[in-house]
């Protein structure tokens, strides 16, 4: 089974990799910081991308800025 992990720094995803939890644990020099498993095609879960936010439970898109109307 393919597993995906997102590196989270200050609540923001900075990297996403295909890797196992065991490999992360065995290689702390390569996988420093916080790594959270993220899921593809799983109901109720959001697949993380770079720039996504982590709230401690799930990932979400960052808010989009309000843009001025086009004249």
PDB file of N, CA and C in Angstrom:
ATOM      1  N   UNK A   1       0.840  -1.184   0.000  1.00  0.00           N
ATOM      2  CA  UNK A   1       0.000   0.000   0.000  1.00  0.00           C
ATOM      3  C   UNK A   1       0.887   1.250   0.000  1.00  0.00           C
ATOM      4  N   UNK A   2       0.548   2.197  -0.838  1.00  0.00           N
ATOM      5  CA  UNK A   2       1.287   3.446  -0.927  1.00  0.00           C
ATOM      6  C   UNK A   2       0.835   4.372   0.199  1.00  0.00           C
ATOM      7  N   UNK A   3       1.795   4.961   0.883  1.00  0.00           N
ATOM      8  CA  UNK A   3       1.461   5.926   1.925  1.00  0.00           C
ATOM      9  C   UNK A   3       2.101   7.268   1.595  1.00  0.00           C
ATOM     10  N   UNK A   4       1.406   8.314   1.992  1.00  0.00           N
ATOM     11  CA  UNK A   4       1.839   9.688   1.726  1.00  0.00           C
ATOM     12  C   UNK A   4       1.964  10.419   3.053  1.00  0.00           C
ATOM     13  N   UNK A   5       3.012  11.196   3.187  1.00  0.00           N
ATOM     14  CA  UNK A   5       3.217  11.993   4.389  1.00  0.00           C
ATOM     15  C   UNK A   5       3.524  13.429   4.004  1.00  0.00           C
ATOM     16  N   UNK A   6       2.977  14.348   4.786  1.00  0.00           N
ATOM     17  CA  UNK A   6       3.192  15.775   4.582  1.00  0.00           C
ATOM     18  C   UNK A   6       4.053  16.313   5.717  1.00  0.00           C
ATOM     19  N   UNK A   7       5.074  17.065   5.359  1.00  0.00           N
ATOM     20  CA  UNK A   7       5.887  17.738   6.366  1.00  0.00           C
ATOM     21  C   UNK A   7       5.178  19.045   6.718  1.00  0.00           C
ATOM     22  N   UNK A   8       4.984  19.265   8.009  1.00  0.00           N
ATOM     23  CA  UNK A   8       4.257  20.445   8.475  1.00  0.00           C
ATOM     24  C   UNK A   8       5.180  21.298   9.323  1.00  0.00           C
ATOM     25  N   UNK A   9       5.292  22.574   8.951  1.00  0.00           N
ATOM     26  CA  UNK A   9       6.093  23.543   9.699  1.00  0.00           C
ATOM     27  C   UNK A   9       5.175  24.699  10.066  1.00  0.00           C
ATOM     28  N   UNK A  10       5.005  24.924  11.357  1.00  0.00           N
ATOM     29  CA  UNK A  10       4.142  26.002  11.857  1.00  0.00           C
ATOM     30  C   UNK A  10       2.742  25.930  11.248  1.00  0.00           C
ATOM     31  N   UNK A  11       2.199  24.709  11.109  1.00  0.00           N
ATOM     32  CA  UNK A  11       0.831  24.531  10.621  1.00  0.00           C
ATOM     33  C   UNK A  11       0.665  24.595   9.121  1.00  0.00           C
ATOM     34  N   UNK A  12       1.778  24.693   8.372  1.00  0.00           N
ATOM     35  CA  UNK A  12       1.721  24.801   6.908  1.00  0.00           C
ATOM     36  C   UNK A  12       2.504  23.646   6.285  1.00  0.00           C
ATOM     37  N   UNK A  13       1.932  23.004   5.269  1.00  0.00           N
ATOM     38  CA  UNK A  13       2.602  21.913   4.576  1.00  0.00           C
ATOM     39  C   UNK A  13       3.716  22.476   3.698  1.00  0.00           C
ATOM     40  N   UNK A  14       4.925  21.953   3.896  1.00  0.00           N
ATOM     41  CA  UNK A  14       6.079  22.419   3.127  1.00  0.00           C
ATOM     42  C   UNK A  14       6.603  21.364   2.157  1.00  0.00           C
ATOM     43  N   UNK A  15       6.164  20.104   2.334  1.00  0.00           N
ATOM     44  CA  UNK A  15       6.648  19.023   1.489  1.00  0.00           C
ATOM     45  C   UNK A  15       5.674  17.854   1.607  1.00  0.00           C
ATOM     46  N   UNK A  16       5.502  17.083   0.527  1.00  0.00           N
ATOM     47  CA  UNK A  16       4.700  15.860   0.543  1.00  0.00           C
ATOM     48  C   UNK A  16       5.513  14.778  -0.147  1.00  0.00           C
ATOM     49  N   UNK A  17       5.612  13.609   0.490  1.00  0.00           N
ATOM     50  CA  UNK A  17       6.407  12.518  -0.076  1.00  0.00           C
ATOM     51  C   UNK A  17       5.688  11.187   0.041  1.00  0.00           C
ATOM     52  N   UNK A  18       5.999  10.285  -0.884  1.00  0.00           N
ATOM     53  CA  UNK A  18       5.535   8.904  -0.811  1.00  0.00           C
ATOM     54  C   UNK A  18       6.581   8.164   0.005  1.00  0.00           C
ATOM     55  N   UNK A  19       6.207   7.761   1.220  1.00  0.00           N
ATOM     56  CA  UNK A  19       7.162   7.141   2.142  1.00  0.00           C
ATOM     57  C   UNK A  19       6.372   6.430   3.239  1.00  0.00           C
ATOM     58  N   UNK A  20       6.974   5.460   3.875  1.00  0.00           N
ATOM     59  CA  UNK A  20       6.300   4.761   4.973  1.00  0.00           C
ATOM     60  C   UNK A  20       6.661   5.396   6.312  1.00  0.00           C
ATOM     61  N   UNK A  21       5.803   5.190   7.291  1.00  0.00           N
ATOM     62  CA  UNK A  21       6.056   5.691   8.643  1.00  0.00           C
ATOM     63  C   UNK A  21       7.319   5.051   9.212  1.00  0.00           C
ATOM     64  N   UNK A  22       7.534   3.795   8.881  1.00  0.00           N
ATOM     65  CA  UNK A  22       8.714   3.087   9.371  1.00  0.00           C
ATOM     66  C   UNK A  22      10.004   3.700   8.805  1.00  0.00           C
ATOM     67  N   UNK A  23       9.974   4.077   7.520  1.00  0.00           N
ATOM     68  CA  UNK A  23      11.150   4.683   6.900  1.00  0.00           C
ATOM     69  C   UNK A  23      11.432   6.047   7.517  1.00  0.00           C
ATOM     70  N   UNK A  24      10.385   6.819   7.774  1.00  0.00           N
ATOM     71  CA  UNK A  24      10.563   8.128   8.426  1.00  0.00           C
ATOM     72  C   UNK A  24      11.198   7.936   9.799  1.00  0.00           C
ATOM     73  N   UNK A  25      10.667   6.989  10.571  1.00  0.00           N
ATOM     74  CA  UNK A  25      11.184   6.739  11.920  1.00  0.00           C
ATOM     75  C   UNK A  25      12.634   6.255  11.897  1.00  0.00           C
ATOM     76  N   UNK A  26      12.992   5.469  10.882  1.00  0.00           N
ATOM     77  CA  UNK A  26      14.341   4.919  10.790  1.00  0.00           C
ATOM     78  C   UNK A  26      15.357   5.923  10.241  1.00  0.00           C
ATOM     79  N   UNK A  27      14.873   7.033   9.698  1.00  0.00           N
ATOM     80  CA  UNK A  27      15.762   8.025   9.065  1.00  0.00           C
ATOM     81  C   UNK A  27      15.471   9.441   9.556  1.00  0.00           C
ATOM     82  N   UNK A  28      15.643   9.686  10.854  1.00  0.00           N
ATOM     83  CA  UNK A  28      15.295  11.018  11.394  1.00  0.00           C
ATOM     84  C   UNK A  28      16.135  12.155  10.822  1.00  0.00           C
ATOM     85  N   UNK A  29      17.330  11.858  10.335  1.00  0.00           N
ATOM     86  CA  UNK A  29      18.144  12.923   9.729  1.00  0.00           C
ATOM     87  C   UNK A  29      17.564  13.384   8.397  1.00  0.00           C
ATOM     88  N   UNK A  30      16.923  12.465   7.666  1.00  0.00           N
ATOM     89  CA  UNK A  30      16.302  12.804   6.379  1.00  0.00           C
ATOM     90  C   UNK A  30      14.917  13.418   6.554  1.00  0.00           C
ATOM     91  N   UNK A  31      14.227  13.023   7.625  1.00  0.00           N
ATOM     92  CA  UNK A  31      12.831  13.446   7.836  1.00  0.00           C
ATOM     93  C   UNK A  31      12.718  14.165   9.171  1.00  0.00           C
ATOM     94  N   UNK A  32      13.281  15.354   9.210  1.00  0.00           N
ATOM     95  CA  UNK A  32      13.245  16.145  10.432  1.00  0.00           C
ATOM     96  C   UNK A  32      11.905  16.857  10.563  1.00  0.00           C
ATOM     97  N   UNK A  33      11.535  17.161  11.774  1.00  0.00           N
ATOM     98  CA  UNK A  33      10.303  17.902  12.026  1.00  0.00           C
ATOM     99  C   UNK A  33       9.087  16.997  12.077  1.00  0.00           C
ATOM    100  N   UNK A  34       7.948  17.605  11.831  1.00  0.00           N
ATOM    101  CA  UNK A  34       6.660  16.914  11.957  1.00  0.00           C
ATOM    102  C   UNK A  34       6.185  16.399  10.602  1.00  0.00           C
ATOM    103  N   UNK A  35       5.908  15.108  10.519  1.00  0.00           N
ATOM    104  CA  UNK A  35       5.394  14.466   9.313  1.00  0.00           C
ATOM    105  C   UNK A  35       4.049  13.835   9.644  1.00  0.00           C
ATOM    106  N   UNK A  36       3.016  14.220   8.898  1.00  0.00           N
ATOM    107  CA  UNK A  36       1.647  13.764   9.133  1.00  0.00           C
ATOM    108  C   UNK A  36       1.194  12.961   7.924  1.00  0.00           C
ATOM    109  N   UNK A  37       0.602  11.790   8.175  1.00  0.00           N
ATOM    110  CA  UNK A  37       0.099  10.995   7.056  1.00  0.00           C
ATOM    111  C   UNK A  37      -1.083  11.705   6.407  1.00  0.00           C
ATOM    112  N   UNK A  38      -1.111  11.712   5.094  1.00  0.00           N
ATOM    113  CA  UNK A  38      -2.204  12.300   4.329  1.00  0.00           C
ATOM    114  C   UNK A  38      -2.730  11.234   3.374  1.00  0.00           C
ATOM    115  N   UNK A  39      -3.990  11.294   3.043  1.00  0.00           N
ATOM    116  CA  UNK A  39      -4.648  10.202   2.329  1.00  0.00           C
ATOM    117  C   UNK A  39      -5.249  10.658   1.011  1.00  0.00           C
ATOM    118  N   UNK A  40      -5.083   9.834  -0.015  1.00  0.00           N
ATOM    119  CA  UNK A  40      -5.706  10.077  -1.319  1.00  0.00           C
ATOM    120  C   UNK A  40      -6.932   9.194  -1.418  1.00  0.00           C
ATOM    121  N   UNK A  41      -8.004   9.736  -1.947  1.00  0.00           N
ATOM    122  CA  UNK A  41      -9.226   8.965  -2.212  1.00  0.00           C
ATOM    123  C   UNK A  41      -9.790   8.279  -0.975  1.00  0.00           C
ATOM    124  N   UNK A  42      -9.748   8.955   0.160  1.00  0.00           N
ATOM    125  CA  UNK A  42     -10.347   8.431   1.386  1.00  0.00           C
ATOM    126  C   UNK A  42     -11.415   9.421   1.822  1.00  0.00           C
ATOM    127  N   UNK A  43     -12.640   8.934   1.927  1.00  0.00           N
ATOM    128  CA  UNK A  43     -13.752   9.803   2.316  1.00  0.00           C
ATOM    129  C   UNK A  43     -13.477  10.455   3.667  1.00  0.00           C
ATOM    130  N   UNK A  44     -13.742  11.739   3.737  1.00  0.00           N
ATOM    131  CA  UNK A  44     -13.576  12.477   4.985  1.00  0.00           C
ATOM    132  C   UNK A  44     -12.154  12.949   5.253  1.00  0.00           C
ATOM    133  N   UNK A  45     -11.226  12.661   4.349  1.00  0.00           N
ATOM    134  CA  UNK A  45      -9.837  13.103   4.509  1.00  0.00           C
ATOM    135  C   UNK A  45      -9.444  13.974   3.325  1.00  0.00           C
ATOM    136  N   UNK A  46      -8.620  14.961   3.580  1.00  0.00           N
ATOM    137  CA  UNK A  46      -8.131  15.854   2.536  1.00  0.00           C
ATOM    138  C   UNK A  46      -6.684  15.512   2.237  1.00  0.00           C
ATOM    139  N   UNK A  47      -6.365  15.300   0.966  1.00  0.00           N
ATOM    140  CA  UNK A  47      -4.984  15.049   0.570  1.00  0.00           C
ATOM    141  C   UNK A  47      -4.234  16.378   0.609  1.00  0.00           C
ATOM    142  N   UNK A  48      -3.138  16.414   1.330  1.00  0.00           N
ATOM    143  CA  UNK A  48      -2.390  17.657   1.520  1.00  0.00           C
ATOM    144  C   UNK A  48      -1.527  17.984   0.312  1.00  0.00           C
ATOM    145  N   UNK A  49      -1.442  19.243   0.022  1.00  0.00           N
ATOM    146  CA  UNK A  49      -0.526  19.761  -0.977  1.00  0.00           C
ATOM    147  C   UNK A  49       0.325  20.836  -0.331  1.00  0.00           C
ATOM    148  N   UNK A  50       1.422  21.194  -0.967  1.00  0.00           N
ATOM    149  CA  UNK A  50       2.280  22.244  -0.423  1.00  0.00           C
ATOM    150  C   UNK A  50       1.460  23.528  -0.289  1.00  0.00           C
ATOM    151  N   UNK A  51       1.557  24.143   0.882  1.00  0.00           N
ATOM    152  CA  UNK A  51       0.806  25.362   1.169  1.00  0.00           C
ATOM    153  C   UNK A  51      -0.492  25.104   1.914  1.00  0.00           C
ATOM    154  N   UNK A  52      -0.933  23.851   1.981  1.00  0.00           N
ATOM    155  CA  UNK A  52      -2.146  23.529   2.741  1.00  0.00           C
ATOM    156  C   UNK A  52      -1.895  23.784   4.219  1.00  0.00           C
ATOM    157  N   UNK A  53      -2.975  23.941   4.969  1.00  0.00           N
ATOM    158  CA  UNK A  53      -2.888  24.186   6.403  1.00  0.00           C
ATOM    159  C   UNK A  53      -3.251  22.920   7.166  1.00  0.00           C
ATOM    160  N   UNK A  54      -2.610  22.701   8.309  1.00  0.00           N
ATOM    161  CA  UNK A  54      -2.885  21.571   9.191  1.00  0.00           C
ATOM    162  C   UNK A  54      -3.419  22.128  10.498  1.00  0.00           C
ATOM    163  N   UNK A  55      -4.625  21.688  10.880  1.00  0.00           N
ATOM    164  CA  UNK A  55      -5.246  22.203  12.100  1.00  0.00           C
ATOM    165  C   UNK A  55      -5.159  21.227  13.263  1.00  0.00           C
ATOM    166  N   UNK A  56      -4.385  20.162  13.108  1.00  0.00           N
ATOM    167  CA  UNK A  56      -4.260  19.152  14.153  1.00  0.00           C
ATOM    168  C   UNK A  56      -5.170  17.967  13.925  1.00  0.00           C
ATOM    169  N   UNK A  57      -6.118  18.107  12.998  1.00  0.00           N
ATOM    170  CA  UNK A  57      -7.060  17.033  12.684  1.00  0.00           C
ATOM    171  C   UNK A  57      -7.073  16.713  11.198  1.00  0.00           C
ATOM    172  N   UNK A  58      -7.061  17.739  10.357  1.00  0.00           N
ATOM    173  CA  UNK A  58      -7.133  17.535   8.913  1.00  0.00           C
ATOM    174  C   UNK A  58      -6.434  18.691   8.200  1.00  0.00           C
ATOM    175  N   UNK A  59      -6.229  18.502   6.914  1.00  0.00           N
ATOM    176  CA  UNK A  59      -5.618  19.530   6.072  1.00  0.00           C
ATOM    177  C   UNK A  59      -6.700  20.338   5.377  1.00  0.00           C
ATOM    178  N   UNK A  60      -6.398  21.597   5.074  1.00  0.00           N
ATOM    179  CA  UNK A  60      -7.341  22.437   4.334  1.00  0.00           C
ATOM    180  C   UNK A  60      -6.560  23.404   3.452  1.00  0.00           C
ATOM    181  N   UNK A  61      -7.240  23.888   2.413  1.00  0.00           N
ATOM    182  CA  UNK A  61      -6.647  24.907   1.558  1.00  0.00           C
ATOM    183  C   UNK A  61      -6.488  26.198   2.346  1.00  0.00           C
ATOM    184  N   UNK A  62      -5.440  26.968   2.075  1.00  0.00           N
ATOM    185  CA  UNK A  62      -5.327  28.268   2.730  1.00  0.00           C
ATOM    186  C   UNK A  62      -6.403  29.197   2.183  1.00  0.00           C
ATOM    187  N   UNK A  63      -6.798  30.196   2.961  1.00  0.00           N
ATOM    188  CA  UNK A  63      -7.804  31.132   2.447  1.00  0.00           C
ATOM    189  C   UNK A  63      -7.286  31.883   1.236  1.00  0.00           C
ATOM    190  N   UNK A  64      -8.174  32.165   0.307  1.00  0.00           N
ATOM    191  CA  UNK A  64      -7.773  32.927  -0.875  1.00  0.00           C
ATOM    192  C   UNK A  64      -7.985  34.418  -0.598  1.00  0.00           C
ATOM    193  N   UNK A  65      -7.073  35.240  -1.073  1.00  0.00           N
ATOM    194  CA  UNK A  65      -7.231  36.673  -0.835  1.00  0.00           C
ATOM    195  C   UNK A  65      -8.400  37.232  -1.624  1.00  0.00           C
ATOM    196  N   UNK A  66      -9.019  38.250  -1.064  1.00  0.00           N
ATOM    197  CA  UNK A  66     -10.081  38.943  -1.798  1.00  0.00           C
ATOM    198  C   UNK A  66      -9.440  39.777  -2.894  1.00  0.00           C
ATOM    199  N   UNK A  67      -9.905  39.580  -4.100  1.00  0.00           N
ATOM    200  CA  UNK A  67      -9.362  40.324  -5.224  1.00  0.00           C
ATOM    201  C   UNK A  67     -10.333  41.453  -5.606  1.00  0.00           C
ATOM    202  N   UNK A  68      -9.808  42.571  -6.063  1.00  0.00           N
ATOM    203  CA  UNK A  68     -10.708  43.652  -6.461  1.00  0.00           C
ATOM    204  C   UNK A  68     -11.497  43.234  -7.712  1.00  0.00           C
ATOM    205  N   UNK A  69     -12.702  43.757  -7.880  1.00  0.00           N
ATOM    206  CA  UNK A  69     -13.481  43.403  -9.056  1.00  0.00           C
ATOM    207  C   UNK A  69     -12.781  43.853 -10.349  1.00  0.00           C
ATOM    208  N   UNK A  70     -13.002  43.105 -11.373  1.00  0.00           N
ATOM    209  CA  UNK A  70     -12.434  43.434 -12.687  1.00  0.00           C
ATOM    210  C   UNK A  70     -13.318  44.506 -13.333  1.00  0.00           C
ATOM    211  N   UNK A  71     -12.701  45.607 -13.776  1.00  0.00           N
ATOM    212  CA  UNK A  71     -13.530  46.674 -14.381  1.00  0.00           C
ATOM    213  C   UNK A  71     -14.134  46.261 -15.715  1.00  0.00           C
TER     214      UNK A  71
END
